[in-house]
Amino acid sequence: MKSARTIRTAIRRIKQFKPTTEGGFMSAGVPLKRTALGVGVFRESFKAVDLPLVVKFPLCDGPLSKNPDYHESKWHTTTEVKRIARLSKFPFMRKYLPKIYYHDRKSGVLVMHWYDGFNDDFTRYCSLGNMTADLMYRLTGVKTIDIHDENTRTSNPRKGEKGRTILIDIGY
């Protein structure tokens, strides 16, 4: 099948054919790059060729056998989709959430929009600071624009605890 040239066409084909493997996506006309974007505990991600789409496949929970178990990985994906849906009910949160185009609960396949990574740590920290400042304003009405790595520290964690982020300078 000829490759999809638009997101709309690709998602229509994915919904129609319900692919569950890389080969299935190829057959549906939505080829994936051969190299995985990344592998986590629960999923393996691939980018679509020539389209800003990411496909996440569940990973087997235990040793591969005749009956591999994908239950935890599917549950993880479904939980993520539900959380994104719940958070998107708050209009101010929508700009921080990924666009989900397709989720098949049965197979655990998830298709979402591709977003570029940060070029460096400084940009990442500034972006997280801007998001934190925006959410603080939405929740408290207090504006601040100076949340970045130099103005944050960690509390002294007790044994077995993680430290909390402390904002040590929010003068602006």
N, C-alpha and C. Protein backbone atom coordinates (compact mmCIF):
# COMPACT_ATOMS: atom_id res chain seq x y z
N MET A 1 0.84 -1.17 0.00
CA MET A 1 0.00 0.00 0.00
C MET A 1 0.89 1.24 0.00
N LYS A 2 0.47 2.25 -0.73
CA LYS A 2 1.21 3.50 -0.82
C LYS A 2 1.24 4.19 0.54
N SER A 3 2.36 4.79 0.88
CA SER A 3 2.52 5.45 2.18
C SER A 3 1.59 6.64 2.32
N ALA A 4 1.06 6.81 3.53
CA ALA A 4 0.22 7.96 3.84
C ALA A 4 1.08 9.22 3.83
N ARG A 5 0.52 10.29 3.30
CA ARG A 5 1.27 11.56 3.24
C ARG A 5 0.82 12.56 4.28
N THR A 6 -0.34 12.32 4.91
CA THR A 6 -0.84 13.24 5.92
C THR A 6 -1.17 12.47 7.20
N ILE A 7 -1.19 13.19 8.30
CA ILE A 7 -1.55 12.57 9.57
C ILE A 7 -2.97 12.02 9.49
N ARG A 8 -3.88 12.78 8.91
CA ARG A 8 -5.27 12.35 8.81
C ARG A 8 -5.40 11.02 8.08
N THR A 9 -4.71 10.89 6.95
CA THR A 9 -4.76 9.64 6.19
C THR A 9 -4.13 8.50 6.98
N ALA A 10 -3.02 8.78 7.63
CA ALA A 10 -2.33 7.75 8.41
C ALA A 10 -3.22 7.25 9.54
N ILE A 11 -3.85 8.15 10.27
CA ILE A 11 -4.70 7.75 11.40
C ILE A 11 -5.93 7.00 10.90
N ARG A 12 -6.49 7.42 9.79
CA ARG A 12 -7.63 6.70 9.21
C ARG A 12 -7.24 5.26 8.88
N ARG A 13 -6.07 5.08 8.30
CA ARG A 13 -5.60 3.73 7.96
C ARG A 13 -5.31 2.90 9.20
N ILE A 14 -4.72 3.53 10.20
CA ILE A 14 -4.43 2.82 11.45
C ILE A 14 -5.73 2.35 12.11
N LYS A 15 -6.73 3.22 12.14
CA LYS A 15 -8.02 2.84 12.73
C LYS A 15 -8.70 1.74 11.92
N GLN A 16 -8.51 1.79 10.63
CA GLN A 16 -9.13 0.78 9.76
C GLN A 16 -8.46 -0.58 9.91
N PHE A 17 -7.14 -0.63 9.86
CA PHE A 17 -6.41 -1.90 9.86
C PHE A 17 -6.00 -2.40 11.25
N LYS A 18 -6.00 -1.50 12.26
CA LYS A 18 -5.62 -1.85 13.63
C LYS A 18 -4.31 -2.66 13.70
N PRO A 19 -3.23 -2.12 13.18
CA PRO A 19 -1.96 -2.85 13.20
C PRO A 19 -1.43 -3.03 14.61
N THR A 20 -0.75 -4.15 14.84
CA THR A 20 -0.19 -4.42 16.16
C THR A 20 1.32 -4.67 16.12
N THR A 21 1.89 -4.63 14.91
CA THR A 21 3.32 -4.86 14.74
C THR A 21 3.88 -3.82 13.77
N GLU A 22 5.20 -3.76 13.71
CA GLU A 22 5.84 -2.86 12.75
C GLU A 22 5.44 -3.23 11.33
N GLY A 23 5.39 -4.51 11.04
CA GLY A 23 4.97 -4.97 9.72
C GLY A 23 3.53 -4.60 9.42
N GLY A 24 2.68 -4.65 10.43
CA GLY A 24 1.28 -4.26 10.26
C GLY A 24 1.16 -2.79 9.90
N PHE A 25 2.00 -1.96 10.49
CA PHE A 25 1.98 -0.53 10.14
C PHE A 25 2.46 -0.32 8.71
N MET A 26 3.45 -1.10 8.30
CA MET A 26 3.94 -1.02 6.93
C MET A 26 2.81 -1.40 5.96
N SER A 27 2.10 -2.48 6.26
CA SER A 27 0.99 -2.93 5.41
C SER A 27 -0.13 -1.91 5.35
N ALA A 28 -0.33 -1.17 6.43
CA ALA A 28 -1.37 -0.14 6.48
C ALA A 28 -0.95 1.14 5.77
N GLY A 29 0.28 1.18 5.30
CA GLY A 29 0.76 2.37 4.59
C GLY A 29 1.34 3.43 5.51
N VAL A 30 1.71 3.03 6.72
CA VAL A 30 2.33 3.94 7.68
C VAL A 30 3.64 3.30 8.13
N PRO A 31 4.67 3.35 7.26
CA PRO A 31 5.93 2.70 7.62
C PRO A 31 6.61 3.40 8.80
N LEU A 32 7.30 2.58 9.61
CA LEU A 32 8.03 3.09 10.76
C LEU A 32 9.52 3.01 10.50
N LYS A 33 10.27 3.92 11.10
CA LYS A 33 11.73 3.86 10.97
C LYS A 33 12.21 2.57 11.63
N ARG A 34 13.27 2.01 11.09
CA ARG A 34 13.76 0.71 11.56
C ARG A 34 14.34 0.75 12.96
N THR A 35 14.91 1.88 13.32
CA THR A 35 15.55 2.00 14.63
C THR A 35 14.55 2.54 15.64
N ALA A 36 14.49 1.91 16.79
CA ALA A 36 13.59 2.36 17.85
C ALA A 36 14.06 3.70 18.39
N LEU A 37 13.09 4.57 18.72
CA LEU A 37 13.41 5.84 19.38
C LEU A 37 13.93 5.58 20.78
N GLY A 38 13.33 4.60 21.41
CA GLY A 38 13.74 4.27 22.76
C GLY A 38 12.97 3.08 23.27
N VAL A 39 13.51 2.51 24.34
CA VAL A 39 12.87 1.37 24.98
C VAL A 39 12.80 1.68 26.46
N GLY A 40 11.60 1.57 27.01
CA GLY A 40 11.42 1.78 28.44
C GLY A 40 11.10 0.48 29.13
N VAL A 41 10.58 0.57 30.31
CA VAL A 41 10.22 -0.62 31.07
C VAL A 41 9.00 -1.29 30.45
N PHE A 42 8.07 -0.47 29.93
CA PHE A 42 6.81 -1.01 29.46
C PHE A 42 6.62 -0.99 27.94
N ARG A 43 7.35 -0.12 27.24
CA ARG A 43 7.09 0.05 25.81
C ARG A 43 8.35 0.30 25.01
N GLU A 44 8.20 0.08 23.70
CA GLU A 44 9.23 0.39 22.73
C GLU A 44 8.59 1.36 21.74
N SER A 45 9.29 2.45 21.41
CA SER A 45 8.73 3.50 20.57
C SER A 45 9.44 3.60 19.23
N PHE A 46 8.65 3.84 18.18
CA PHE A 46 9.17 4.04 16.84
C PHE A 46 8.55 5.28 16.23
N LYS A 47 9.32 5.99 15.42
CA LYS A 47 8.82 7.17 14.71
C LYS A 47 8.36 6.74 13.32
N ALA A 48 7.26 7.33 12.88
CA ALA A 48 6.78 7.06 11.53
C ALA A 48 7.70 7.75 10.52
N VAL A 49 7.82 7.16 9.36
CA VAL A 49 8.64 7.74 8.28
C VAL A 49 7.88 8.92 7.68
N ASP A 50 8.51 10.07 7.63
CA ASP A 50 7.98 11.28 6.98
C ASP A 50 6.70 11.84 7.59
N LEU A 51 6.34 11.43 8.78
CA LEU A 51 5.18 11.99 9.48
C LEU A 51 5.54 12.22 10.95
N PRO A 52 4.97 13.26 11.57
CA PRO A 52 5.27 13.52 12.99
C PRO A 52 4.43 12.64 13.92
N LEU A 53 4.63 11.33 13.82
CA LEU A 53 3.90 10.37 14.64
C LEU A 53 4.87 9.44 15.36
N VAL A 54 4.50 9.04 16.56
CA VAL A 54 5.25 8.06 17.33
C VAL A 54 4.31 6.90 17.63
N VAL A 55 4.80 5.69 17.44
CA VAL A 55 4.03 4.49 17.75
C VAL A 55 4.72 3.79 18.90
N LYS A 56 3.95 3.48 19.94
CA LYS A 56 4.48 2.80 21.11
C LYS A 56 3.86 1.40 21.20
N PHE A 57 4.74 0.39 21.23
CA PHE A 57 4.31 -1.00 21.33
C PHE A 57 4.59 -1.51 22.74
N PRO A 58 3.68 -2.30 23.31
CA PRO A 58 3.94 -2.85 24.64
C PRO A 58 5.05 -3.89 24.60
N LEU A 59 5.77 -3.98 25.70
CA LEU A 59 6.82 -5.00 25.84
C LEU A 59 6.28 -6.15 26.68
N CYS A 60 6.80 -7.31 26.44
CA CYS A 60 6.42 -8.51 27.18
C CYS A 60 6.88 -8.37 28.63
N ASP A 61 6.00 -8.75 29.57
CA ASP A 61 6.30 -8.60 30.99
C ASP A 61 7.28 -9.62 31.52
N GLY A 62 7.30 -10.78 30.91
CA GLY A 62 8.16 -11.85 31.41
C GLY A 62 8.96 -12.45 30.28
N PRO A 63 9.46 -13.65 30.48
CA PRO A 63 10.22 -14.30 29.41
C PRO A 63 9.31 -14.63 28.22
N LEU A 64 9.88 -14.50 27.03
CA LEU A 64 9.12 -14.83 25.83
C LEU A 64 8.84 -16.33 25.82
N SER A 65 7.61 -16.67 25.56
CA SER A 65 7.22 -18.07 25.52
C SER A 65 6.08 -18.20 24.51
N LYS A 66 5.41 -19.33 24.55
CA LYS A 66 4.27 -19.52 23.65
C LYS A 66 3.17 -18.51 23.94
N ASN A 67 3.01 -18.16 25.21
CA ASN A 67 1.97 -17.22 25.64
C ASN A 67 2.60 -16.04 26.38
N PRO A 68 3.20 -15.10 25.64
CA PRO A 68 3.84 -13.96 26.33
C PRO A 68 2.79 -13.11 27.05
N ASP A 69 3.18 -12.51 28.15
CA ASP A 69 2.28 -11.71 28.97
C ASP A 69 2.57 -10.23 28.77
N TYR A 70 1.58 -9.50 28.25
CA TYR A 70 1.71 -8.06 28.01
C TYR A 70 0.81 -7.27 28.96
N HIS A 71 0.22 -7.93 29.94
CA HIS A 71 -0.81 -7.31 30.78
C HIS A 71 -0.34 -6.00 31.42
N GLU A 72 0.80 -6.01 32.11
CA GLU A 72 1.27 -4.80 32.79
C GLU A 72 1.55 -3.66 31.82
N SER A 73 2.13 -3.99 30.67
CA SER A 73 2.45 -2.97 29.68
C SER A 73 1.19 -2.34 29.11
N LYS A 74 0.19 -3.16 28.86
CA LYS A 74 -1.09 -2.63 28.35
C LYS A 74 -1.77 -1.78 29.41
N TRP A 75 -1.71 -2.25 30.66
CA TRP A 75 -2.31 -1.50 31.75
C TRP A 75 -1.62 -0.14 31.90
N HIS A 76 -0.30 -0.12 31.79
CA HIS A 76 0.47 1.12 31.89
C HIS A 76 0.02 2.12 30.82
N THR A 77 -0.12 1.64 29.59
CA THR A 77 -0.53 2.52 28.48
C THR A 77 -1.95 3.04 28.71
N THR A 78 -2.86 2.16 29.09
CA THR A 78 -4.25 2.57 29.33
C THR A 78 -4.33 3.59 30.45
N THR A 79 -3.54 3.40 31.50
CA THR A 79 -3.52 4.34 32.61
C THR A 79 -3.00 5.71 32.15
N GLU A 80 -1.97 5.70 31.32
CA GLU A 80 -1.43 6.96 30.79
C GLU A 80 -2.48 7.69 29.96
N VAL A 81 -3.17 6.98 29.09
CA VAL A 81 -4.20 7.58 28.24
C VAL A 81 -5.32 8.17 29.09
N LYS A 82 -5.73 7.45 30.12
CA LYS A 82 -6.79 7.95 31.01
C LYS A 82 -6.34 9.20 31.75
N ARG A 83 -5.08 9.22 32.20
CA ARG A 83 -4.58 10.40 32.92
C ARG A 83 -4.52 11.62 31.99
N ILE A 84 -4.08 11.40 30.78
CA ILE A 84 -4.02 12.51 29.81
C ILE A 84 -5.43 13.03 29.56
N ALA A 85 -6.40 12.12 29.43
CA ALA A 85 -7.79 12.53 29.21
C ALA A 85 -8.32 13.32 30.40
N ARG A 86 -8.02 12.87 31.62
CA ARG A 86 -8.48 13.58 32.82
C ARG A 86 -7.84 14.97 32.91
N LEU A 87 -6.53 15.04 32.65
CA LEU A 87 -5.85 16.33 32.73
C LEU A 87 -6.30 17.29 31.63
N SER A 88 -6.68 16.76 30.48
CA SER A 88 -7.10 17.63 29.37
C SER A 88 -8.44 18.29 29.63
N LYS A 89 -9.15 17.89 30.68
CA LYS A 89 -10.40 18.56 31.05
C LYS A 89 -10.13 19.96 31.61
N PHE A 90 -8.87 20.19 32.02
CA PHE A 90 -8.47 21.50 32.51
C PHE A 90 -7.84 22.25 31.33
N PRO A 91 -8.51 23.30 30.83
CA PRO A 91 -8.00 23.98 29.63
C PRO A 91 -6.55 24.44 29.74
N PHE A 92 -6.11 24.90 30.91
CA PHE A 92 -4.72 25.39 31.04
C PHE A 92 -3.69 24.26 30.96
N MET A 93 -4.11 23.01 31.11
CA MET A 93 -3.18 21.88 31.04
C MET A 93 -2.96 21.39 29.61
N ARG A 94 -3.89 21.66 28.71
CA ARG A 94 -3.86 21.07 27.37
C ARG A 94 -2.57 21.35 26.61
N LYS A 95 -2.00 22.53 26.78
CA LYS A 95 -0.78 22.84 26.02
C LYS A 95 0.42 22.04 26.50
N TYR A 96 0.31 21.39 27.66
CA TYR A 96 1.41 20.58 28.19
C TYR A 96 1.23 19.08 27.92
N LEU A 97 0.15 18.71 27.29
CA LEU A 97 -0.16 17.29 27.10
C LEU A 97 0.02 16.86 25.65
N PRO A 98 0.43 15.62 25.43
CA PRO A 98 0.62 15.15 24.05
C PRO A 98 -0.72 14.86 23.37
N LYS A 99 -0.73 15.00 22.07
CA LYS A 99 -1.91 14.67 21.27
C LYS A 99 -1.90 13.16 21.02
N ILE A 100 -2.94 12.50 21.46
CA ILE A 100 -3.07 11.06 21.23
C ILE A 100 -4.04 10.87 20.06
N TYR A 101 -3.57 10.17 19.04
CA TYR A 101 -4.39 9.93 17.86
C TYR A 101 -5.11 8.59 17.90
N TYR A 102 -4.48 7.61 18.55
CA TYR A 102 -5.04 6.25 18.50
C TYR A 102 -4.54 5.45 19.69
N HIS A 103 -5.45 4.70 20.30
CA HIS A 103 -5.08 3.79 21.38
C HIS A 103 -5.93 2.54 21.26
N ASP A 104 -5.28 1.41 21.15
CA ASP A 104 -5.98 0.13 21.08
C ASP A 104 -5.74 -0.59 22.40
N ARG A 105 -6.76 -0.63 23.25
CA ARG A 105 -6.61 -1.25 24.58
C ARG A 105 -6.30 -2.74 24.47
N LYS A 106 -6.84 -3.37 23.46
CA LYS A 106 -6.65 -4.82 23.32
C LYS A 106 -5.18 -5.17 23.04
N SER A 107 -4.58 -4.44 22.10
CA SER A 107 -3.19 -4.74 21.73
C SER A 107 -2.18 -3.91 22.53
N GLY A 108 -2.61 -2.80 23.10
CA GLY A 108 -1.71 -1.93 23.84
C GLY A 108 -0.95 -0.95 22.98
N VAL A 109 -1.29 -0.85 21.69
CA VAL A 109 -0.60 0.06 20.77
C VAL A 109 -1.13 1.48 20.98
N LEU A 110 -0.20 2.43 21.00
CA LEU A 110 -0.52 3.83 21.19
C LEU A 110 0.16 4.64 20.09
N VAL A 111 -0.61 5.54 19.46
CA VAL A 111 -0.05 6.43 18.44
C VAL A 111 -0.28 7.86 18.90
N MET A 112 0.80 8.61 18.99
CA MET A 112 0.70 10.00 19.42
C MET A 112 1.56 10.90 18.54
N HIS A 113 1.38 12.19 18.72
CA HIS A 113 2.15 13.16 17.95
C HIS A 113 3.61 13.11 18.38
N TRP A 114 4.50 13.36 17.44
CA TRP A 114 5.94 13.43 17.70
C TRP A 114 6.29 14.85 18.14
N TYR A 115 7.02 14.96 19.24
CA TYR A 115 7.50 16.25 19.73
C TYR A 115 9.03 16.18 19.81
N ASP A 116 9.68 17.22 19.36
CA ASP A 116 11.14 17.26 19.41
C ASP A 116 11.63 17.28 20.85
N GLY A 117 12.78 16.71 21.06
CA GLY A 117 13.42 16.75 22.37
C GLY A 117 14.11 18.09 22.56
N PHE A 118 14.58 18.33 23.76
CA PHE A 118 15.31 19.56 24.04
C PHE A 118 16.74 19.42 23.53
N ASN A 119 17.31 20.54 23.08
CA ASN A 119 18.68 20.52 22.56
C ASN A 119 19.72 20.42 23.66
N ASP A 120 19.40 20.95 24.84
CA ASP A 120 20.37 20.93 25.93
C ASP A 120 19.64 20.99 27.27
N ASP A 121 20.37 20.74 28.33
CA ASP A 121 19.77 20.74 29.67
C ASP A 121 19.25 22.11 30.07
N PHE A 122 19.96 23.17 29.69
CA PHE A 122 19.53 24.51 30.05
C PHE A 122 18.13 24.80 29.51
N THR A 123 17.89 24.47 28.25
CA THR A 123 16.58 24.70 27.64
C THR A 123 15.52 23.85 28.34
N ARG A 124 15.87 22.61 28.67
CA ARG A 124 14.93 21.73 29.38
C ARG A 124 14.55 22.34 30.73
N TYR A 125 15.56 22.79 31.51
CA TYR A 125 15.28 23.36 32.82
C TYR A 125 14.43 24.63 32.71
N CYS A 126 14.74 25.47 31.75
CA CYS A 126 13.96 26.70 31.57
C CYS A 126 12.52 26.37 31.20
N SER A 127 12.35 25.40 30.34
CA SER A 127 11.01 24.99 29.93
C SER A 127 10.21 24.44 31.12
N LEU A 128 10.85 23.61 31.93
CA LEU A 128 10.18 23.08 33.12
C LEU A 128 9.86 24.21 34.11
N GLY A 129 10.77 25.16 34.22
CA GLY A 129 10.52 26.31 35.08
C GLY A 129 9.34 27.14 34.60
N ASN A 130 9.25 27.35 33.29
CA ASN A 130 8.12 28.10 32.73
C ASN A 130 6.80 27.37 32.97
N MET A 131 6.81 26.05 32.81
CA MET A 131 5.60 25.28 33.04
C MET A 131 5.21 25.35 34.52
N THR A 132 6.19 25.22 35.40
CA THR A 132 5.92 25.30 36.84
C THR A 132 5.35 26.66 37.21
N ALA A 133 5.94 27.72 36.67
CA ALA A 133 5.47 29.08 36.96
C ALA A 133 4.04 29.27 36.47
N ASP A 134 3.74 28.76 35.28
CA ASP A 134 2.39 28.88 34.73
C ASP A 134 1.38 28.14 35.61
N LEU A 135 1.72 26.92 36.01
CA LEU A 135 0.80 26.14 36.84
C LEU A 135 0.63 26.77 38.22
N MET A 136 1.73 27.31 38.78
CA MET A 136 1.63 28.00 40.07
C MET A 136 0.67 29.19 39.96
N TYR A 137 0.79 29.95 38.89
CA TYR A 137 -0.10 31.10 38.69
C TYR A 137 -1.56 30.65 38.57
N ARG A 138 -1.78 29.58 37.79
CA ARG A 138 -3.15 29.09 37.60
C ARG A 138 -3.76 28.59 38.91
N LEU A 139 -2.94 28.02 39.77
CA LEU A 139 -3.46 27.47 41.02
C LEU A 139 -3.54 28.49 42.15
N THR A 140 -2.60 29.47 42.16
CA THR A 140 -2.53 30.38 43.31
C THR A 140 -2.78 31.85 42.96
N GLY A 141 -2.63 32.21 41.69
CA GLY A 141 -2.76 33.61 41.30
C GLY A 141 -1.47 34.40 41.51
N VAL A 142 -0.40 33.72 41.93
CA VAL A 142 0.88 34.37 42.17
C VAL A 142 1.78 34.17 40.95
N LYS A 143 2.25 35.32 40.39
CA LYS A 143 3.12 35.24 39.20
C LYS A 143 4.58 35.21 39.60
N THR A 144 5.34 34.38 38.90
CA THR A 144 6.80 34.35 39.03
C THR A 144 7.36 33.89 37.68
N ILE A 145 8.53 34.38 37.33
CA ILE A 145 9.11 34.00 36.04
C ILE A 145 10.55 33.52 36.18
N ASP A 146 10.98 33.32 37.40
CA ASP A 146 12.41 33.09 37.63
C ASP A 146 12.71 31.69 38.18
N ILE A 147 11.99 30.69 37.73
CA ILE A 147 12.23 29.33 38.21
C ILE A 147 13.16 28.63 37.22
N HIS A 148 14.38 28.36 37.67
CA HIS A 148 15.36 27.64 36.85
C HIS A 148 16.34 26.93 37.77
N ASP A 149 17.31 26.25 37.20
CA ASP A 149 18.20 25.40 37.99
C ASP A 149 18.98 26.13 39.07
N GLU A 150 19.33 27.40 38.85
CA GLU A 150 20.09 28.15 39.85
C GLU A 150 19.22 28.61 41.02
N ASN A 151 17.90 28.63 40.82
CA ASN A 151 16.99 29.12 41.86
C ASN A 151 16.20 28.00 42.53
N THR A 152 16.64 26.78 42.34
CA THR A 152 15.98 25.65 43.00
C THR A 152 17.02 24.80 43.71
N ARG A 153 16.59 24.22 44.81
CA ARG A 153 17.43 23.30 45.56
C ARG A 153 16.56 22.12 45.98
N THR A 154 17.17 21.21 46.73
CA THR A 154 16.40 20.08 47.23
C THR A 154 16.42 20.08 48.74
N SER A 155 15.32 19.64 49.34
CA SER A 155 15.29 19.52 50.80
C SER A 155 16.20 18.38 51.20
N ASN A 156 16.54 18.33 52.44
CA ASN A 156 17.38 17.23 52.92
C ASN A 156 16.50 16.00 53.11
N PRO A 157 16.63 15.03 52.21
CA PRO A 157 15.76 13.86 52.33
C PRO A 157 16.14 12.98 53.52
N ARG A 158 15.11 12.40 54.13
CA ARG A 158 15.36 11.42 55.17
C ARG A 158 15.67 10.09 54.51
N LYS A 159 16.13 9.15 55.30
CA LYS A 159 16.43 7.84 54.73
C LYS A 159 15.19 7.27 54.07
N GLY A 160 15.37 6.77 52.84
CA GLY A 160 14.25 6.15 52.13
C GLY A 160 13.31 7.14 51.46
N GLU A 161 13.58 8.44 51.60
CA GLU A 161 12.73 9.46 50.98
C GLU A 161 13.51 10.20 49.90
N LYS A 162 12.77 10.75 48.98
CA LYS A 162 13.37 11.64 47.99
C LYS A 162 13.22 13.06 48.51
N GLY A 163 14.16 13.91 48.17
CA GLY A 163 14.04 15.29 48.56
C GLY A 163 13.00 16.02 47.72
N ARG A 164 12.45 17.08 48.27
CA ARG A 164 11.49 17.91 47.55
C ARG A 164 12.23 19.09 46.92
N THR A 165 11.70 19.59 45.82
CA THR A 165 12.26 20.79 45.21
C THR A 165 11.85 22.00 46.05
N ILE A 166 12.82 22.84 46.36
CA ILE A 166 12.59 24.06 47.12
C ILE A 166 12.95 25.24 46.22
N LEU A 167 12.05 26.20 46.12
CA LEU A 167 12.27 27.41 45.32
C LEU A 167 12.95 28.43 46.21
N ILE A 168 14.26 28.64 46.01
CA ILE A 168 15.02 29.50 46.93
C ILE A 168 15.06 30.97 46.49
N ASP A 169 14.66 31.26 45.26
CA ASP A 169 14.68 32.65 44.79
C ASP A 169 13.57 32.82 43.77
N ILE A 170 12.49 33.44 44.19
CA ILE A 170 11.38 33.69 43.25
C ILE A 170 11.00 35.17 43.30
N GLY A 171 12.03 36.01 43.33
CA GLY A 171 11.83 37.45 43.42
C GLY A 171 11.20 38.08 42.20
N TYR A 172 11.38 37.48 41.03
CA TYR A 172 10.77 38.05 39.83
C TYR A 172 9.43 37.44 39.60
